[in-house]
Amino acid sequence: SYWYAPKKFAPANTSNQGNLDSFNLSNGQLIVSGWHATDYSQVENNHYLILFDNTNKTQVKSIKVTNVARPDVAKAYPIVATAGQSGFNANFGPVNLTPGHSYSLVSRYSTLDGGNGDNGQSKITDYWFNPVTLDQQASYVDSFTKTDNGYNVKGWMVSDQSINKPNAYLILLNDGQEIARTKVELTDRPDVAKVYPSIYNSQKSGFNGEFKVDPTKVNGTLKVIMRFAGDDANKNFSDQYSQDYPTNAGNFDNIHVTASQVSLSGWHASTQAGNKPYEWLIVLDNNGQELYRQEITDKGLGRNDVQNVYPYIEGANKSGFQIVIPTQENMLHKVVKIINRLTDDPAGNGNYIDIVSGPVSILSRAQTEGRKTTTYNDNGQIVAVYNDAEVISQLPELPTGCEITAVTMMLRYAGYDVNKVQLANIMPRSNNGDYGFVGNPFSPSGWWIFPTGIAPVVDRFVGHHEIMTGASMQRIQDKLKQGHLVVAWVANVNGFVNHALALTGYDAGRLFYNNPWTGRKESMTYGEFYQHWNADRQRAISY
């Protein structure tokens, strides 16, 4: 007898690659498309797609598929003989899914014709596509309008939670308290399905609901809850929230101040306006003391622009006003606030509803509020700002921790009870300054950290940050006007290649800052600042 040498049935090219182009649940069934290219399929010529629940570690369903042509894959992988016929388009039909679970689609080539292609002895080649977690949701209110009986709301809502919470409700809140609800039957929204194909049943997502309430009895901020629920809509549910819909809104569009008069125009729309026929303008100082009041007679002016934004408020299209008041002696050189009041009292008191302007400069000069001093010119324009922030030295604890010390000053001025050592300890570390501090800030041999690296420290307390790298001087000044310090990175200051300062203010010719190295309040001209700032790539951060 003669024994032949065993042969290995393996292709010349043993690579294995694939891509999941679509994982579509928009019609409540799972439809997938993609490709899986490997020359093992020449021998393992049975192709299966398997849906695997990664959370439960169980197979959900498997189907056998017939490959389709993919000339694009053949072009990308010319050395894979089977690439041109590696595509798949398959419908799993209804599948038993669980919200929140992670699922993987597995493409399998097998020598076995049956089951899922794996009996423990068959030859298989698997490709696991990236997992998909069923935890997505999205919603949008297309319109919220007033009706004869209350409000109408149109829009769409989708959620993977609707897999086992199939009932859709709309709930109207007034200042967080429920005042109405309605159950809705969701309708076809192919536009939503196109954008959110991987969210369960996104094709059936449209709603058109009616809330039967008396708008004149609503006096807070409205909000719509879009709820998917099980049998008990108050216990087993998943909510999404709309934007706020204020029932009292307004704005002073134009305020022009001269030495003799103040001209004002704007609008005030409210669901409470129906029984309040009188409109007044009232001027208050910074302490809330009334300085002047005058009835507005030029009112009810057409404002279709307001109607477009607030279609749910009765009379929004006739909410405009304009008035001219004298510049009283007791207003001069003050920052005031102006009230527009709708009231049932001819004298401007009684039952009323107000809108209040922001700070208005009546030809004011230096005005101090808290630790911030704002200086205005005779035209009411801000010409200087100074935030009297506490100065903190980085020494002796942080010989190379100028950046975190400057951020400490910024956060303390914002009202957060923090200290430099505390923040230095929680500051990220990295070998890249864009991600964390390089080295040890407690050591003279430490290096630096840059805005994106230090941003998580700001986020931890403020909840957000703003990278100001490359910002215009106007943006920096705007931050200082708001009372927000700006930490700027500079080069060649105090002998350092890289240093950080906490900017606190400005005037016509200089920027003011707290220097963590010297522990002093200092200033430099704009030209000097740009020379040092430019040399350190104009890095900066605020919030």
Protein backbone atom coordinates (compact mmCIF):
# COMPACT_ATOMS: atom_id res chain seq x y z
CA SER A 1 0.00 0.00 0.00
CA TYR A 2 0.96 3.63 -0.43
CA TRP A 3 -0.02 6.54 1.87
CA TYR A 4 -0.43 9.86 0.13
CA ALA A 5 0.62 13.00 1.96
CA PRO A 6 -2.41 14.82 3.46
CA LYS A 7 -3.58 17.90 1.58
CA LYS A 8 -4.73 21.08 3.22
CA PHE A 9 -7.79 22.55 1.56
CA ALA A 10 -6.98 26.24 2.00
CA PRO A 11 -7.14 29.00 -0.60
CA ALA A 12 -4.08 30.86 -1.76
CA ASN A 13 -5.49 34.03 -0.18
CA THR A 14 -6.61 33.44 3.41
CA SER A 15 -7.74 36.98 4.22
CA ASN A 16 -11.15 37.57 5.79
CA GLN A 17 -12.91 40.94 5.59
CA GLY A 18 -16.38 42.43 5.51
CA ASN A 19 -18.59 45.41 6.17
CA LEU A 20 -22.13 45.91 7.44
CA ASP A 21 -23.66 48.58 5.22
CA SER A 22 -27.09 48.66 6.84
CA PHE A 23 -28.76 47.39 10.02
CA ASN A 24 -32.34 48.47 9.40
CA LEU A 25 -35.16 48.11 11.93
CA SER A 26 -37.30 50.92 10.55
CA ASN A 27 -40.30 48.72 9.69
CA GLY A 28 -40.13 46.59 12.84
CA GLN A 29 -38.26 43.79 11.06
CA LEU A 30 -34.50 43.39 10.77
CA ILE A 31 -33.15 43.98 7.26
CA VAL A 32 -29.39 43.87 6.75
CA SER A 33 -27.04 44.47 3.87
CA GLY A 34 -23.29 44.34 3.47
CA TRP A 35 -20.54 42.03 2.29
CA HIS A 36 -18.19 39.31 3.50
CA ALA A 37 -15.26 38.46 1.26
CA THR A 38 -12.99 35.47 1.85
CA ASP A 39 -11.76 32.80 -0.52
CA TYR A 40 -12.57 30.15 2.09
CA SER A 41 -16.09 30.49 0.67
CA GLN A 42 -14.90 28.53 -2.38
CA VAL A 43 -14.95 25.43 -0.18
CA GLU A 44 -17.29 26.64 2.57
CA ASN A 45 -19.99 27.49 0.08
CA ASN A 46 -22.99 27.76 2.43
CA HIS A 47 -23.54 31.34 3.60
CA TYR A 48 -25.40 32.08 6.84
CA LEU A 49 -26.22 35.29 8.67
CA ILE A 50 -26.60 34.97 12.42
CA LEU A 51 -28.02 37.53 14.84
CA PHE A 52 -26.27 37.16 18.19
CA ASP A 53 -27.33 38.77 21.47
CA ASN A 54 -24.05 39.85 23.06
CA THR A 55 -25.78 40.78 26.31
CA ASN A 56 -27.35 37.36 26.85
CA LYS A 57 -24.65 35.54 24.87
CA THR A 58 -27.27 33.69 22.86
CA GLN A 59 -28.13 33.26 19.21
CA VAL A 60 -31.36 35.03 18.31
CA LYS A 61 -31.87 33.81 14.76
CA SER A 62 -29.96 32.49 11.77
CA ILE A 63 -30.85 32.49 8.09
CA LYS A 64 -29.20 31.08 5.01
CA VAL A 65 -28.59 33.62 2.25
CA THR A 66 -27.58 33.74 -1.38
CA ASN A 67 -24.71 36.04 -2.20
CA VAL A 68 -25.16 38.98 -4.55
CA ALA A 69 -22.73 40.79 -6.80
CA ARG A 70 -20.50 43.47 -5.28
CA PRO A 71 -18.26 44.86 -8.04
CA ASP A 72 -17.17 47.65 -5.66
CA VAL A 73 -15.71 45.06 -3.28
CA ALA A 74 -13.99 43.27 -6.16
CA LYS A 75 -12.39 46.55 -7.14
CA ALA A 76 -11.21 47.19 -3.58
CA TYR A 77 -9.93 43.61 -3.03
CA PRO A 78 -8.72 42.38 -6.44
CA ILE A 79 -6.62 39.58 -4.92
CA VAL A 80 -9.71 37.99 -3.30
CA ALA A 81 -11.18 35.75 -5.98
CA THR A 82 -14.69 35.70 -4.47
CA ALA A 83 -14.92 39.43 -3.65
CA GLY A 84 -17.13 40.20 -6.63
CA GLN A 85 -19.86 37.87 -5.35
CA SER A 86 -19.55 38.64 -1.63
CA GLY A 87 -22.61 40.80 -1.01
CA PHE A 88 -25.75 40.05 0.95
CA ASN A 89 -29.20 41.60 1.34
CA ALA A 90 -31.37 39.77 3.82
CA ASN A 91 -34.57 40.14 5.81
CA PHE A 92 -34.63 38.37 9.17
CA GLY A 93 -38.33 39.22 9.49
CA PRO A 94 -39.68 39.75 13.01
CA VAL A 95 -37.03 38.99 15.61
CA ASN A 96 -37.18 38.80 19.38
CA LEU A 97 -35.19 41.85 20.47
CA THR A 98 -34.65 43.42 23.88
CA PRO A 99 -34.14 47.17 24.38
CA GLY A 100 -30.71 48.03 25.72
CA HIS A 101 -29.10 44.79 24.56
CA SER A 102 -26.06 44.69 22.31
CA TYR A 103 -26.38 42.66 19.12
CA SER A 104 -23.85 41.48 16.56
CA LEU A 105 -24.47 40.27 13.05
CA VAL A 106 -22.22 37.33 12.18
CA SER A 107 -21.55 36.31 8.59
CA ARG A 108 -20.59 32.65 8.30
CA TYR A 109 -19.31 30.54 5.42
CA SER A 110 -19.63 26.81 6.16
CA THR A 111 -19.22 23.39 4.62
CA LEU A 112 -22.48 22.37 6.31
CA ASP A 113 -25.83 22.84 4.62
CA GLY A 114 -28.21 23.14 7.55
CA GLY A 115 -28.88 24.86 10.88
CA ASN A 116 -26.57 27.79 11.39
CA GLY A 117 -23.72 26.05 9.58
CA ASP A 118 -21.93 24.84 12.69
CA ASN A 119 -22.39 21.31 14.02
CA GLY A 120 -19.05 21.20 15.78
CA GLN A 121 -17.36 19.34 12.93
CA SER A 122 -18.08 21.53 9.93
CA LYS A 123 -15.50 23.94 8.61
CA ILE A 124 -16.56 27.55 9.10
CA THR A 125 -15.20 31.06 8.57
CA ASP A 126 -16.95 33.78 10.57
CA TYR A 127 -16.88 37.55 10.35
CA TRP A 128 -18.30 39.49 13.30
CA PHE A 129 -19.51 42.94 12.38
CA ASN A 130 -19.40 45.82 14.84
CA PRO A 131 -22.06 45.46 17.55
CA VAL A 132 -25.26 47.50 17.55
CA THR A 133 -26.81 48.49 20.88
CA LEU A 134 -30.55 49.09 20.93
CA ASP A 135 -30.43 52.20 23.09
CA GLN A 136 -31.20 54.91 20.57
CA GLN A 137 -34.02 57.43 20.60
CA ALA A 138 -34.88 60.67 18.85
CA SER A 139 -37.85 63.00 18.52
CA TYR A 140 -38.88 66.38 17.20
CA VAL A 141 -41.91 68.65 17.45
CA ASP A 142 -42.63 70.01 13.99
CA SER A 143 -45.34 72.41 15.18
CA PHE A 144 -47.06 73.47 18.40
CA THR A 145 -50.08 75.67 17.72
CA LYS A 146 -53.20 77.07 19.38
CA THR A 147 -56.61 75.63 18.54
CA ASP A 148 -60.16 76.55 19.58
CA ASN A 149 -60.02 73.86 22.27
CA GLY A 150 -56.40 74.08 23.37
CA TYR A 151 -53.25 73.07 21.54
CA ASN A 152 -52.25 70.92 18.59
CA VAL A 153 -48.84 69.26 18.41
CA LYS A 154 -47.33 67.53 15.39
CA GLY A 155 -43.99 65.79 15.06
CA TRP A 156 -42.32 62.40 15.38
CA MET A 157 -40.86 60.12 18.03
CA VAL A 158 -38.71 57.00 17.79
CA SER A 159 -37.10 54.80 20.41
CA ASP A 160 -35.68 51.32 20.69
CA GLN A 161 -37.67 51.13 23.92
CA SER A 162 -40.81 50.87 21.78
CA ILE A 163 -39.89 47.22 21.16
CA ASN A 164 -41.65 46.32 24.40
CA LYS A 165 -43.38 49.66 25.04
CA PRO A 166 -45.60 49.96 21.96
CA ASN A 167 -48.11 52.55 23.19
CA ALA A 168 -47.43 56.19 22.30
CA TYR A 169 -48.60 59.11 24.44
CA LEU A 170 -48.22 62.87 24.36
CA ILE A 171 -48.27 64.63 27.73
CA LEU A 172 -48.48 68.40 28.21
CA LEU A 173 -46.66 69.91 31.19
CA ASN A 174 -47.08 73.39 32.66
CA ASP A 175 -44.08 74.28 34.83
CA GLY A 176 -43.39 70.56 35.16
CA GLN A 177 -46.93 69.58 36.16
CA GLU A 178 -49.10 67.45 33.86
CA ILE A 179 -52.21 69.26 32.63
CA ALA A 180 -53.25 67.05 29.70
CA ARG A 181 -52.38 63.84 27.88
CA THR A 182 -53.51 62.02 24.78
CA LYS A 183 -52.77 58.62 23.29
CA VAL A 184 -51.72 58.74 19.65
CA GLU A 185 -51.48 56.27 16.80
CA LEU A 186 -48.16 56.73 15.06
CA THR A 187 -48.19 57.24 11.30
CA ASP A 188 -45.76 56.74 8.44
CA ARG A 189 -42.73 59.06 8.38
CA PRO A 190 -40.41 57.79 5.62
CA ASP A 191 -38.23 60.88 6.11
CA VAL A 192 -37.55 59.82 9.70
CA ALA A 193 -36.90 56.21 8.69
CA LYS A 194 -34.34 57.45 6.17
CA VAL A 195 -32.40 59.35 8.85
CA TYR A 196 -32.83 56.79 11.67
CA PRO A 197 -32.99 53.38 9.93
CA SER A 198 -31.38 51.53 12.84
CA ILE A 199 -33.97 52.68 15.41
CA TYR A 200 -36.82 50.24 15.87
CA ASN A 201 -40.00 51.00 13.87
CA SER A 202 -38.84 54.50 12.86
CA GLN A 203 -41.05 54.25 9.78
CA LYS A 204 -44.12 54.49 12.08
CA SER A 205 -43.14 57.57 14.05
CA GLY A 206 -45.39 60.50 13.11
CA PHE A 207 -47.90 61.98 15.53
CA ASN A 208 -50.69 64.57 15.45
CA GLY A 209 -52.17 65.17 18.89
CA GLU A 210 -54.72 67.48 20.49
CA PHE A 211 -54.55 68.79 24.06
CA LYS A 212 -57.88 70.02 25.40
CA VAL A 213 -56.95 72.79 27.84
CA ASP A 214 -57.88 76.45 28.34
CA PRO A 215 -54.81 78.46 27.24
CA THR A 216 -55.85 81.40 29.43
CA LYS A 217 -55.43 79.15 32.49
CA VAL A 218 -51.88 78.25 31.50
CA ASN A 219 -49.32 80.67 32.91
CA GLY A 220 -46.00 78.86 33.05
CA THR A 221 -43.60 77.17 30.67
CA LEU A 222 -45.14 74.43 28.55
CA LYS A 223 -43.30 71.28 27.53
CA VAL A 224 -44.42 68.15 25.70
CA ILE A 225 -43.42 64.67 26.85
CA MET A 226 -43.30 62.06 24.09
CA ARG A 227 -43.78 58.73 25.85
CA PHE A 228 -43.55 55.10 24.81
CA ALA A 229 -45.26 52.89 27.38
CA GLY A 230 -46.32 49.37 28.14
CA ASP A 231 -49.75 48.44 29.43
CA ASP A 232 -49.40 50.84 32.38
CA ALA A 233 -48.43 54.23 30.98
CA ASN A 234 -47.50 55.51 34.44
CA LYS A 235 -45.09 52.75 35.45
CA ASN A 236 -43.42 51.18 32.44
CA PHE A 237 -42.42 53.99 30.09
CA SER A 238 -39.63 55.79 28.25
CA ASP A 239 -39.84 59.58 27.84
CA GLN A 240 -38.41 62.22 25.55
CA TYR A 241 -38.95 65.95 26.02
CA SER A 242 -39.68 68.78 23.64
CA GLN A 243 -38.22 72.26 23.83
CA ASP A 244 -39.79 74.76 26.24
CA TYR A 245 -42.81 76.76 25.12
CA PRO A 246 -43.05 79.88 27.31
CA THR A 247 -46.55 81.30 27.72
CA ASN A 248 -45.14 84.76 28.42
CA ALA A 249 -42.52 86.06 26.01
CA GLY A 250 -41.22 89.37 24.76
CA ASN A 251 -38.23 91.42 23.79
CA PHE A 252 -37.01 95.00 23.66
CA ASP A 253 -35.80 95.02 20.06
CA ASN A 254 -34.47 98.58 20.06
CA ILE A 255 -33.47 100.87 22.91
CA HIS A 256 -31.93 104.20 21.90
CA VAL A 257 -30.67 106.50 24.64
CA THR A 258 -29.86 110.19 24.36
CA ALA A 259 -29.38 112.87 26.98
CA SER A 260 -33.02 113.93 26.61
CA GLN A 261 -35.02 110.80 25.82
CA VAL A 262 -35.11 107.02 25.59
CA SER A 263 -36.82 105.46 22.55
CA LEU A 264 -37.95 101.86 22.90
CA SER A 265 -39.71 99.32 20.70
CA GLY A 266 -40.36 95.62 20.96
CA TRP A 267 -43.09 93.09 21.61
CA HIS A 268 -44.83 91.28 24.46
CA ALA A 269 -47.05 88.23 23.90
CA SER A 270 -48.76 86.25 26.65
CA THR A 271 -51.56 83.73 27.06
CA GLN A 272 -52.62 85.92 30.01
CA ALA A 273 -53.05 89.09 27.93
CA GLY A 274 -56.75 88.65 27.16
CA ASN A 275 -58.03 90.26 30.37
CA LYS A 276 -55.17 92.75 30.74
CA PRO A 277 -55.94 95.69 28.42
CA TYR A 278 -53.38 98.14 29.83
CA GLU A 279 -49.68 98.19 28.92
CA TRP A 280 -47.04 100.06 30.94
CA LEU A 281 -43.32 100.72 30.77
CA ILE A 282 -41.48 100.85 34.11
CA VAL A 283 -37.80 101.72 34.73
CA LEU A 284 -35.92 100.17 37.70
CA ASP A 285 -32.40 100.74 39.01
CA ASN A 286 -29.95 97.95 39.90
CA ASN A 287 -31.55 97.59 43.33
CA GLY A 288 -35.07 97.20 41.95
CA GLN A 289 -36.08 100.72 42.94
CA GLU A 290 -38.63 102.22 40.55
CA LEU A 291 -37.33 105.32 38.77
CA TYR A 292 -40.11 106.05 36.29
CA ARG A 293 -43.28 104.64 34.68
CA GLN A 294 -45.39 105.59 31.68
CA GLU A 295 -48.40 104.01 29.99
CA ILE A 296 -47.79 102.64 26.50
CA THR A 297 -50.46 103.84 24.10
CA ASP A 298 -48.81 102.88 20.80
CA LYS A 299 -49.41 99.15 21.19
CA GLY A 300 -51.01 96.20 19.42
CA LEU A 301 -48.67 96.69 16.48
CA GLY A 302 -48.44 93.98 13.85
CA ARG A 303 -45.71 91.39 14.50
CA ASN A 304 -46.09 88.46 12.13
CA ASP A 305 -42.52 87.47 12.95
CA VAL A 306 -43.57 86.88 16.55
CA GLN A 307 -46.61 84.91 15.39
CA ASN A 308 -44.31 82.64 13.38
CA VAL A 309 -42.25 81.80 16.47
CA TYR A 310 -45.11 81.71 19.00
CA PRO A 311 -48.13 80.40 17.05
CA TYR A 312 -49.55 78.93 20.26
CA ILE A 313 -49.98 82.37 21.95
CA GLU A 314 -53.23 84.20 21.16
CA GLY A 315 -52.55 87.71 19.85
CA ALA A 316 -48.85 87.16 19.14
CA ASN A 317 -49.36 88.76 15.72
CA LYS A 318 -50.50 92.00 17.43
CA SER A 319 -47.94 92.15 20.22
CA GLY A 320 -45.72 95.04 19.10
CA PHE A 321 -45.22 98.32 20.96
CA GLN A 322 -43.17 101.51 20.79
CA ILE A 323 -42.73 104.39 23.21
CA VAL A 324 -40.52 107.41 23.93
CA ILE A 325 -39.84 108.41 27.54
CA PRO A 326 -37.85 111.36 28.90
CA THR A 327 -34.38 110.71 30.25
CA GLN A 328 -35.03 111.51 33.90
CA GLU A 329 -32.31 112.93 36.11
CA ASN A 330 -32.54 109.90 38.41
CA MET A 331 -31.74 107.56 35.49
CA LEU A 332 -28.58 109.28 34.28
CA HIS A 333 -25.28 107.39 34.54
CA LYS A 334 -27.00 104.26 35.81
CA VAL A 335 -27.51 100.79 34.48
CA VAL A 336 -31.25 100.19 34.61
CA LYS A 337 -33.73 97.47 33.79
CA ILE A 338 -36.93 98.17 31.91
CA ILE A 339 -40.24 96.35 32.40
CA ASN A 340 -43.04 95.96 29.90
CA ARG A 341 -46.19 95.20 31.90
CA LEU A 342 -49.58 93.90 30.79
CA THR A 343 -52.15 94.61 33.52
CA ASP A 344 -55.83 94.95 34.35
CA ASP A 345 -55.13 98.13 36.36
CA PRO A 346 -55.26 101.56 34.65
CA ALA A 347 -52.46 102.69 37.02
CA GLY A 348 -50.15 99.82 36.05
CA ASN A 349 -50.45 97.67 39.18
CA GLY A 350 -53.16 95.10 39.95
CA ASN A 351 -52.97 91.72 38.24
CA TYR A 352 -50.08 91.87 35.81
CA ILE A 353 -47.51 89.95 33.84
CA ASP A 354 -44.07 91.36 33.02
CA ILE A 355 -41.11 90.96 30.73
CA VAL A 356 -37.83 92.49 31.87
CA SER A 357 -34.99 93.81 29.73
CA GLY A 358 -31.34 93.07 30.25
CA PRO A 359 -29.13 95.80 31.74
CA VAL A 360 -29.61 99.13 29.93
CA SER A 361 -26.98 101.85 30.18
CA ILE A 362 -28.39 105.34 30.59
CA LEU A 363 -25.24 107.24 29.63
CA SER A 364 -23.47 105.50 32.50
CA ARG A 365 -19.81 105.58 33.45
CA ALA A 366 -18.10 103.05 35.73
CA GLN A 367 -20.64 100.69 37.29
CA THR A 368 -19.65 98.05 39.82
CA GLU A 369 -21.75 94.96 40.39
CA GLY A 370 -20.24 92.42 42.74
CA ARG A 371 -16.52 92.21 41.86
CA LYS A 372 -16.94 93.32 38.24
CA THR A 373 -16.59 96.96 37.20
CA THR A 374 -17.94 97.95 33.79
CA THR A 375 -17.16 101.36 32.34
CA TYR A 376 -19.40 102.96 29.72
CA ASN A 377 -18.76 105.96 27.51
CA ASP A 378 -21.27 108.77 27.14
CA ASN A 379 -23.10 106.79 24.45
CA GLY A 380 -23.62 103.86 26.79
CA GLN A 381 -20.99 101.69 25.11
CA ILE A 382 -18.73 99.49 27.21
CA VAL A 383 -15.15 100.73 26.96
CA ALA A 384 -13.56 98.85 29.86
CA VAL A 385 -14.19 95.85 32.06
CA TYR A 386 -12.33 94.71 35.13
CA ASN A 387 -13.05 91.53 37.08
CA ASP A 388 -11.42 91.84 40.48
CA ALA A 389 -10.54 88.17 40.74
CA GLU A 390 -8.49 86.76 43.60
CA VAL A 391 -4.85 86.35 42.59
CA ILE A 392 -3.29 82.98 43.43
CA SER A 393 0.40 82.12 43.23
CA GLN A 394 1.41 78.75 41.87
CA LEU A 395 4.37 78.73 44.27
CA PRO A 396 5.63 76.94 46.19
CA GLU A 397 3.46 73.86 45.59
CA LEU A 398 3.23 73.98 41.79
CA PRO A 399 6.48 75.26 40.29
CA THR A 400 5.34 74.13 36.81
CA GLY A 401 1.59 74.31 37.41
CA CYS A 402 0.84 77.75 36.00
CA GLU A 403 -2.01 76.47 33.80
CA ILE A 404 -3.97 74.75 36.58
CA THR A 405 -3.37 77.70 38.90
CA ALA A 406 -4.80 80.08 36.29
CA VAL A 407 -7.80 77.76 35.86
CA THR A 408 -8.20 77.73 39.66
CA MET A 409 -8.50 81.53 39.61
CA MET A 410 -11.06 81.30 36.80
CA LEU A 411 -13.19 78.73 38.63
CA ARG A 412 -12.99 80.46 42.01
CA TYR A 413 -14.13 83.72 40.41
CA ALA A 414 -17.02 81.76 38.90
CA GLY A 415 -18.05 80.80 42.45
CA TYR A 416 -16.60 77.30 42.78
CA ASP A 417 -14.90 76.42 46.07
CA VAL A 418 -11.73 74.86 44.69
CA ASN A 419 -7.99 75.20 45.28
CA LYS A 420 -4.95 74.75 43.08
CA VAL A 421 -3.62 71.59 44.74
CA GLN A 422 -7.04 69.93 44.53
CA LEU A 423 -7.32 70.73 40.83
CA ALA A 424 -3.72 69.73 40.12
CA ASN A 425 -4.43 66.31 41.60
CA ILE A 426 -7.47 65.70 39.38
CA MET A 427 -5.90 67.21 36.26
CA PRO A 428 -5.42 64.56 33.52
CA ARG A 429 -1.87 63.29 32.86
CA SER A 430 -0.53 62.39 29.44
CA ASN A 431 2.58 62.46 27.30
CA ASN A 432 0.67 64.84 25.01
CA GLY A 433 -0.31 68.27 26.35
CA ASP A 434 -3.50 68.24 24.31
CA TYR A 435 -4.73 65.34 26.48
CA GLY A 436 -3.21 66.00 29.89
CA PHE A 437 -0.29 67.41 31.85
CA VAL A 438 3.10 66.24 30.66
CA GLY A 439 5.22 65.41 33.68
CA ASN A 440 4.51 66.47 37.26
CA PRO A 441 3.23 70.01 38.03
CA PHE A 442 4.49 69.61 41.60
CA SER A 443 8.03 69.28 40.26
CA PRO A 444 10.34 71.86 38.64
CA SER A 445 10.86 69.32 35.85
CA GLY A 446 7.18 69.32 34.80
CA TRP A 447 6.25 70.54 31.34
CA TRP A 448 2.81 71.74 30.29
CA ILE A 449 -0.84 71.12 29.50
CA PHE A 450 -2.91 72.75 26.77
CA PRO A 451 -6.58 73.86 26.59
CA THR A 452 -8.11 70.56 25.42
CA GLY A 453 -6.12 68.67 28.03
CA ILE A 454 -7.27 70.86 30.91
CA ALA A 455 -10.88 71.17 29.68
CA PRO A 456 -12.12 68.12 31.70
CA VAL A 457 -11.24 70.00 34.91
CA VAL A 458 -13.46 72.90 33.84
CA ASP A 459 -16.22 70.49 32.77
CA ARG A 460 -16.17 68.75 36.15
CA PHE A 461 -17.27 71.92 37.93
CA VAL A 462 -18.93 74.18 35.35
CA GLY A 463 -20.40 71.40 33.24
CA HIS A 464 -18.99 72.79 30.01
CA HIS A 465 -16.03 74.67 28.60
CA GLU A 466 -15.18 76.81 25.59
CA ILE A 467 -11.90 76.46 23.75
CA MET A 468 -10.84 80.02 22.91
CA THR A 469 -7.73 79.11 20.92
CA GLY A 470 -7.41 81.53 18.01
CA ALA A 471 -10.35 83.61 19.28
CA SER A 472 -10.72 87.22 18.24
CA MET A 473 -10.06 89.93 20.78
CA GLN A 474 -13.77 90.74 20.59
CA ARG A 475 -14.64 87.21 21.75
CA ILE A 476 -12.16 87.47 24.62
CA GLN A 477 -13.61 90.83 25.63
CA ASP A 478 -17.14 89.43 25.42
CA LYS A 479 -16.18 86.71 27.90
CA LEU A 480 -14.74 89.30 30.27
CA LYS A 481 -17.93 91.36 29.92
CA GLN A 482 -19.88 88.30 31.05
CA GLY A 483 -17.67 88.01 34.12
CA HIS A 484 -15.89 84.93 32.77
CA LEU A 485 -12.11 84.95 33.08
CA VAL A 486 -10.09 83.67 30.12
CA VAL A 487 -6.95 81.57 30.64
CA ALA A 488 -4.43 82.41 27.91
CA TRP A 489 -1.17 80.58 27.07
CA VAL A 490 1.78 82.89 26.39
CA ALA A 491 5.44 82.38 25.55
CA ASN A 492 8.52 84.19 26.81
CA VAL A 493 6.88 85.66 29.91
CA ASN A 494 8.79 85.50 33.20
CA GLY A 495 11.47 83.50 31.38
CA PHE A 496 9.20 80.59 30.46
CA VAL A 497 8.84 79.10 27.00
CA ASN A 498 5.25 78.30 27.98
CA HIS A 499 3.21 80.15 30.61
CA ALA A 500 -0.47 80.73 31.40
CA LEU A 501 -2.23 83.87 32.62
CA ALA A 502 -5.77 84.48 33.86
CA LEU A 503 -7.13 87.44 31.87
CA THR A 504 -9.36 89.59 34.07
CA GLY A 505 -10.17 92.75 32.12
CA TYR A 506 -9.35 95.32 29.48
CA ASP A 507 -9.53 98.98 28.60
CA ALA A 508 -8.75 100.91 25.43
CA GLY A 509 -5.03 100.17 25.51
CA ARG A 510 -4.29 97.24 27.81
CA LEU A 511 -5.29 93.78 28.99
CA PHE A 512 -5.33 93.05 32.71
CA TYR A 513 -4.41 89.63 34.12
CA ASN A 514 -3.50 87.69 37.22
CA ASN A 515 -0.02 86.15 36.95
CA PRO A 516 0.30 82.82 38.82
CA TRP A 517 4.12 83.00 38.78
CA THR A 518 4.49 86.43 40.39
CA GLY A 519 1.25 86.22 42.36
CA ARG A 520 0.40 89.75 41.22
CA LYS A 521 -2.27 91.60 39.26
CA GLU A 522 -0.53 92.90 36.13
CA SER A 523 -1.25 94.32 32.69
CA MET A 524 0.29 94.58 29.23
CA THR A 525 -0.53 96.40 26.01
CA TYR A 526 -2.45 94.64 23.27
CA GLY A 527 0.70 94.60 21.17
CA GLU A 528 2.70 92.93 23.94
CA PHE A 529 -0.06 90.41 24.53
CA TYR A 530 -0.29 89.39 20.88
CA GLN A 531 3.50 89.04 20.70
CA HIS A 532 3.48 86.53 23.57
CA TRP A 533 0.14 84.88 22.67
CA ASN A 534 1.06 84.37 19.02
CA ALA A 535 4.28 82.69 20.10
CA ASP A 536 2.23 80.06 21.97
CA ARG A 537 -0.25 79.35 19.14
CA GLN A 538 -2.95 81.65 20.57
CA ARG A 539 -4.10 78.98 23.01
CA ALA A 540 -6.89 79.89 25.45
CA ILE A 541 -9.86 78.45 27.36
CA SER A 542 -12.91 79.78 29.18
CA TYR A 543 -16.44 78.56 29.77
